[in-house]
Amino acid sequence: MKILLSNDDGITAEGLKALVRALSPRNRVVVCAPARQQSGMSHAITVFDDMAVEDCPQLLELGAAEAISIAGTPADCVKLYLEAISPAKGEDYPDLVISGINHGGNLGTDVLYSGTVGAALEGYMHGINTLAVSLSTSSSLSYDEAARETTGMLDTFIAQEPRPFLLNINFPKEYAAGKPQWRWAALGHRDYLNAYTLYNEDGHRYYRLAGEIFDGDNEPTTDIYAVHKGLISVTPLYDDLTNEAALRRHNLETIPRRPLIKQSILSDVYSDF
């Protein structure tokens, strides 16, 4: 299988290297990732500036067939590779796109800000099966453990999910009962306390984003609940923000959509894969 890797932590990030090590023995792995940290960029793309492209030979030493850094956003990296770099070499689309492994969770409403999810969404919009993978900060698990566990589930995901799929995966700080347990989950709600800090310097006022995570009450069906309980959450996402309930209130017909989450699975939160 040909797999395209990207992320939002930058091409030197340890989570990205772990995926290269885990996937390259049995797959053709290509990497196209930001040249520097790009967290919080969501699905932003570069419109008016040039994007420098550089080879990254150190990832070839880990097993990647190709590794390129882009002076752009996470979504830029996937979009540029799929629409320009790969076609220029006469190559087909990859079979799978994986974004991560992110340093820190991408849970609940944070997916709207996440550069990790933004890169994955770009692959999905090109009709490719896609994963966004994140590891909680201060986790007892290593990136290599999370990468091996994700790699071991690829065949299951490909067999179960209709093409294309976009799955948002989050690893906990530690496993419940000391072993990996995967759970389907819906997006929860995440907020931040004291989100901005004000400080003064040289006669100017500045704000810095530095809030504390506040998850509040989340139902047992959510990704936040699952990860807090030591489970690996998997949330199917898609690229349609249409508020269908509002349209129905205005008597407008809507095109049948793919459900955000399988209702049969939501009725049994702790069902195994």
Foldseek 3Di string as FASTA:
>chain_A
DEEEEEEQAAPVDPLRLLLQLQPQVPYAYEYEYAHHHHWQQAQDWDDPDDKDKDWDCVSVVSRHPGYIHINIALLHRLCCCQPPVQVVVVHHDGQEYEYDQAQAACAFPSNRRGSLNSNQQSCVVVFHAYERHYEHHQAPDDSNRSSNVVVVCVVVCVVPDPTHWYKYKYFASAAAVRDAFEWEAEGADKDWDPQWDWDDDPRDIDIDGDTDIDRDDTDLRTPVNQRVNRYMYIWIAHDDPDPVVVCVVVVHDDDDDDDRGDVVRSVPGRDGD
